[in-house]
Amino acid sequence: MENTTTSSPPQNVLLFGHSYIRRFGTFIIDGRNESLFENARKGHFPGPLSNLFLPTKSFNIESHGWGGSTLSLSRHKHNPKCIQQLSYILGSVVGEVSYPNYDYVFLQIGSNDLCDCRLTNPEKLARDIYSYANYMIFGHDIKIVIVGELVIRNHAPNKHCTLAQFNDHVVRTNYLLESLVKHGDTPRIMFCKHDGLRCPAQRIHCSDNVHLNTFGLTRFTRSVRGSLIRAHKRGTLLGLW
């Protein structure tokens, strides 16, 4: 991967989804956070944290995330935080985002959809996320879509969903989504397990018990980076580059 020729333009990566991606983008831009990664201090990584320690000659990483974003339209016909609405993705709000410019999309979505048990369920959500990944590939010519697994919380979303219900639904959605990806029709969709966030050995959430703290974000960084390396290898095997 690091041997990509200098004559080839870098492959464009879009990190896309809800507030996890928004906060993650802020985290990796802050150069002070590089000190949190032991290998980075020793010079074992070929690029800066802002590029997930990947070589800038090979990868160009951008992130676009919005707090409260969902995959479904929920009860409202026009939900401004539904990422499926084409006008929201490509319109004036984020007009610089253009699908055909990206080789990879890392998609982190779904947690907010599970906040109201009356509106969705793990079976439907897993199918919808998988369908949306297919849509990005075959409708917008994304070479590979990486779907990040949903992350548990330590705080109940609202009165319509208890903490136990929410976390049970997260686990169930991840199981179904991983199965859909594994047995699906295209190898261009990948499932990313967030090691260290499933059964964490220490606290991963910040004070709101929803979003990731510094430790959680470091684990998330390693997870996303690893998934991009695997996606690059798969794309090479598939002859996509």
Protein backbone atom coordinates (compact mmCIF):
# COMPACT_ATOMS: atom_id res chain seq x y z
CA MET A 1 0.00 0.00 0.00
CA GLU A 2 2.71 2.48 0.94
CA ASN A 3 4.43 1.70 -2.38
CA THR A 4 1.83 3.52 -4.45
CA THR A 5 3.67 5.28 -7.26
CA THR A 6 4.03 9.02 -7.04
CA SER A 7 2.51 9.40 -10.51
CA SER A 8 -0.83 8.05 -9.30
CA PRO A 9 -3.17 10.53 -7.60
CA PRO A 10 -4.12 9.75 -4.00
CA GLN A 11 -7.29 7.77 -3.45
CA ASN A 12 -10.07 9.85 -1.92
CA VAL A 13 -11.74 8.69 1.28
CA LEU A 14 -14.96 10.06 2.77
CA LEU A 15 -15.73 9.43 6.45
CA PHE A 16 -19.48 9.94 6.51
CA GLY A 17 -22.23 9.74 9.12
CA HIS A 18 -23.55 11.07 12.41
CA SER A 19 -21.90 12.92 15.30
CA TYR A 20 -19.28 10.22 15.84
CA ILE A 21 -17.79 11.24 12.50
CA ARG A 22 -18.14 14.96 13.24
CA ARG A 23 -16.31 14.60 16.57
CA PHE A 24 -13.81 12.19 15.04
CA GLY A 25 -12.96 14.74 12.36
CA THR A 26 -12.20 17.31 15.05
CA PHE A 27 -10.11 14.77 16.97
CA ILE A 28 -7.83 13.83 14.08
CA ILE A 29 -7.32 17.43 12.97
CA ASP A 30 -5.95 18.39 16.39
CA GLY A 31 -2.23 17.68 16.03
CA ARG A 32 -1.80 17.46 19.80
CA ASN A 33 -3.61 14.12 19.76
CA GLU A 34 -0.78 12.47 17.84
CA SER A 35 1.02 12.03 21.17
CA LEU A 36 -1.72 9.57 22.18
CA PHE A 37 -0.39 7.06 19.63
CA GLU A 38 2.87 5.49 20.75
CA ASN A 39 3.83 4.25 17.29
CA ALA A 40 3.28 7.70 15.79
CA ARG A 41 5.83 9.21 18.17
CA LYS A 42 8.33 6.55 17.14
CA GLY A 43 7.82 7.35 13.47
CA HIS A 44 6.30 4.01 12.52
CA PHE A 45 3.38 5.61 10.65
CA PRO A 46 4.00 7.21 7.23
CA GLY A 47 1.47 10.04 7.54
CA PRO A 48 -0.08 12.50 10.01
CA LEU A 49 -3.02 11.76 12.30
CA SER A 50 -5.18 14.07 10.18
CA ASN A 51 -4.75 11.47 7.43
CA LEU A 52 -5.11 8.55 9.87
CA PHE A 53 -1.34 8.05 9.73
CA LEU A 54 -1.69 6.93 6.11
CA PRO A 55 0.66 8.35 3.45
CA THR A 56 -0.76 11.50 1.89
CA LYS A 57 0.60 10.45 -1.51
CA SER A 58 -1.70 7.41 -1.35
CA PHE A 59 -4.79 8.64 0.51
CA ASN A 60 -6.69 11.88 0.86
CA ILE A 61 -9.12 11.70 3.78
CA GLU A 62 -12.12 13.97 4.38
CA SER A 63 -14.82 13.74 7.02
CA HIS A 64 -18.40 14.97 6.99
CA GLY A 65 -20.59 14.20 9.99
CA TRP A 66 -23.69 15.78 11.47
CA GLY A 67 -25.08 15.42 14.98
CA GLY A 68 -28.36 13.54 15.20
CA SER A 69 -28.16 12.17 11.66
CA THR A 70 -30.30 9.16 10.82
CA LEU A 71 -30.62 6.79 7.90
CA SER A 72 -34.41 6.67 7.95
CA LEU A 73 -36.85 9.51 7.36
CA SER A 74 -38.42 8.76 10.74
CA ARG A 75 -41.95 10.14 11.02
CA HIS A 76 -41.25 13.18 8.91
CA LYS A 77 -41.41 13.26 5.14
CA HIS A 78 -38.63 15.82 5.01
CA ASN A 79 -36.08 15.13 7.73
CA PRO A 80 -33.11 17.53 7.32
CA LYS A 81 -30.86 15.08 9.19
CA CYS A 82 -31.65 12.04 7.07
CA ILE A 83 -28.53 11.24 5.04
CA GLN A 84 -30.57 9.38 2.43
CA GLN A 85 -32.07 12.60 1.14
CA LEU A 86 -30.05 13.42 -1.94
CA SER A 87 -30.60 17.15 -1.51
CA TYR A 88 -29.08 16.94 1.96
CA ILE A 89 -26.02 15.05 0.76
CA LEU A 90 -25.32 16.93 -2.46
CA GLY A 91 -27.22 20.19 -1.92
CA SER A 92 -26.29 23.57 -0.53
CA VAL A 93 -25.78 22.34 3.05
CA VAL A 94 -22.80 20.20 2.04
CA GLY A 95 -22.46 21.07 -1.60
CA GLU A 96 -18.75 20.21 -1.65
CA VAL A 97 -19.55 16.53 -1.07
CA SER A 98 -19.69 14.77 -4.44
CA TYR A 99 -19.91 10.99 -4.43
CA PRO A 100 -18.08 10.33 -7.72
CA ASN A 101 -14.97 12.01 -6.26
CA TYR A 102 -14.52 9.31 -3.63
CA ASP A 103 -12.96 5.89 -3.94
CA TYR A 104 -13.95 4.80 -0.43
CA VAL A 105 -16.75 5.76 1.91
CA PHE A 106 -16.58 4.83 5.58
CA LEU A 107 -20.19 4.93 6.77
CA GLN A 108 -20.99 5.31 10.47
CA ILE A 109 -24.77 5.54 10.86
CA GLY A 110 -27.71 3.87 12.57
CA SER A 111 -27.41 4.57 16.29
CA ASN A 112 -29.81 7.51 16.21
CA ASP A 113 -32.34 5.43 14.28
CA LEU A 114 -32.53 3.01 17.23
CA CYS A 115 -33.33 5.73 19.76
CA ASP A 116 -37.08 5.20 19.35
CA CYS A 117 -38.11 1.56 19.44
CA ARG A 118 -41.48 2.47 17.94
CA LEU A 119 -40.01 3.60 14.64
CA THR A 120 -37.50 0.94 13.67
CA ASN A 121 -36.05 -2.42 14.64
CA PRO A 122 -32.68 -4.13 14.11
CA GLU A 123 -33.89 -6.24 11.18
CA LYS A 124 -35.14 -3.25 9.22
CA LEU A 125 -32.19 -1.04 10.10
CA ALA A 126 -29.61 -3.64 9.07
CA ARG A 127 -31.35 -4.11 5.72
CA ASP A 128 -31.61 -0.36 5.17
CA ILE A 129 -27.91 0.27 5.92
CA TYR A 130 -26.88 -2.54 3.59
CA SER A 131 -29.18 -1.24 0.86
CA TYR A 132 -27.79 2.26 1.25
CA ALA A 133 -24.23 0.93 0.92
CA ASN A 134 -25.26 -0.80 -2.32
CA TYR A 135 -26.85 2.44 -3.50
CA MET A 136 -23.60 4.34 -3.01
CA ILE A 137 -21.66 1.71 -4.97
CA PHE A 138 -24.00 1.15 -7.88
CA GLY A 139 -25.70 4.53 -7.91
CA HIS A 140 -22.68 6.77 -7.30
CA ASP A 141 -19.72 4.67 -8.39
CA ILE A 142 -18.04 4.41 -4.99
CA LYS A 143 -15.42 1.69 -5.28
CA ILE A 144 -15.71 0.32 -1.72
CA VAL A 145 -18.08 1.15 1.14
CA ILE A 146 -17.01 0.26 4.68
CA VAL A 147 -19.86 0.03 7.17
CA GLY A 148 -18.85 0.70 10.75
CA GLU A 149 -20.59 -1.30 13.44
CA LEU A 150 -22.87 0.54 15.84
CA VAL A 151 -21.53 1.35 19.32
CA ILE A 152 -23.30 0.77 22.63
CA ARG A 153 -24.11 3.63 25.01
CA ASN A 154 -24.24 4.16 28.74
CA HIS A 155 -27.31 6.37 28.73
CA ALA A 156 -30.90 5.66 27.69
CA PRO A 157 -31.82 7.66 24.56
CA ASN A 158 -35.28 8.73 25.76
CA LYS A 159 -38.47 7.53 27.43
CA HIS A 160 -39.37 5.45 24.39
CA CYS A 161 -36.25 3.27 24.61
CA THR A 162 -34.49 1.99 27.73
CA LEU A 163 -30.72 1.60 27.87
CA ALA A 164 -31.04 -2.20 27.88
CA GLN A 165 -33.32 -2.10 24.84
CA PHE A 166 -31.02 0.24 22.96
CA ASN A 167 -27.86 -1.77 23.58
CA ASP A 168 -29.63 -5.05 22.80
CA HIS A 169 -30.77 -3.56 19.50
CA VAL A 170 -27.23 -2.33 18.75
CA VAL A 171 -25.83 -5.83 19.26
CA ARG A 172 -28.61 -7.39 17.17
CA THR A 173 -28.21 -4.85 14.35
CA ASN A 174 -24.46 -5.45 14.21
CA TYR A 175 -24.97 -9.21 14.02
CA LEU A 176 -27.50 -8.92 11.19
CA LEU A 177 -25.50 -6.30 9.31
CA GLU A 178 -22.29 -8.31 9.49
CA SER A 179 -24.18 -11.33 8.17
CA LEU A 180 -25.66 -9.35 5.28
CA VAL A 181 -22.24 -8.07 4.29
CA LYS A 182 -20.63 -11.51 4.61
CA HIS A 183 -23.25 -13.28 2.51
CA GLY A 184 -24.11 -10.40 0.17
CA ASP A 185 -23.78 -10.23 -3.59
CA THR A 186 -20.86 -7.81 -3.72
CA PRO A 187 -17.40 -7.95 -2.14
CA ARG A 188 -17.23 -4.15 -2.40
CA ILE A 189 -19.10 -3.70 0.89
CA MET A 190 -17.08 -4.37 4.04
CA PHE A 191 -18.04 -4.50 7.71
CA CYS A 192 -15.77 -2.86 10.27
CA LYS A 193 -15.71 -4.15 13.83
CA HIS A 194 -14.58 -1.52 16.30
CA ASP A 195 -12.17 -3.51 18.44
CA GLY A 196 -12.04 -2.19 21.96
CA LEU A 197 -15.49 -0.60 21.76
CA ARG A 198 -17.64 -3.74 21.94
CA CYS A 199 -16.63 -4.93 25.40
CA PRO A 200 -14.28 -2.18 26.55
CA ALA A 201 -11.78 -2.81 29.31
CA GLN A 202 -12.08 0.81 30.39
CA ARG A 203 -14.47 3.71 29.95
CA ILE A 204 -14.95 4.73 26.31
CA HIS A 205 -17.66 7.39 26.64
CA CYS A 206 -17.36 11.02 27.63
CA SER A 207 -19.56 12.63 30.30
CA ASP A 208 -22.73 12.44 28.21
CA ASN A 209 -22.40 8.61 28.11
CA VAL A 210 -23.12 8.67 24.38
CA HIS A 211 -20.10 10.01 22.51
CA LEU A 212 -16.57 8.67 22.66
CA ASN A 213 -13.96 10.06 25.04
CA THR A 214 -10.28 10.36 24.16
CA PHE A 215 -9.61 6.67 24.79
CA GLY A 216 -12.63 5.68 22.72
CA LEU A 217 -11.54 7.96 19.88
CA THR A 218 -8.05 6.46 19.82
CA ARG A 219 -9.59 3.00 19.49
CA PHE A 220 -11.94 4.31 16.81
CA THR A 221 -8.97 5.79 14.93
CA ARG A 222 -7.14 2.46 14.84
CA SER A 223 -10.32 0.71 13.74
CA VAL A 224 -11.04 3.06 10.84
CA ARG A 225 -7.40 3.09 9.75
CA GLY A 226 -7.21 -0.69 9.76
CA SER A 227 -10.40 -0.98 7.75
CA LEU A 228 -9.04 1.35 5.06
CA ILE A 229 -5.86 -0.70 4.76
CA ARG A 230 -7.94 -3.87 4.34
CA ALA A 231 -10.21 -2.12 1.84
CA HIS A 232 -7.21 -1.04 -0.22
CA LYS A 233 -5.95 -4.63 -0.34
CA ARG A 234 -9.39 -5.90 -1.35
CA GLY A 235 -9.73 -3.26 -4.06
CA THR A 236 -6.36 -4.29 -5.44
CA LEU A 237 -7.43 -7.94 -5.55
CA LEU A 238 -10.68 -6.96 -7.27
CA GLY A 239 -8.83 -4.85 -9.84
CA LEU A 240 -10.61 -1.64 -8.82
CA TRP A 241 -7.54 0.62 -8.90
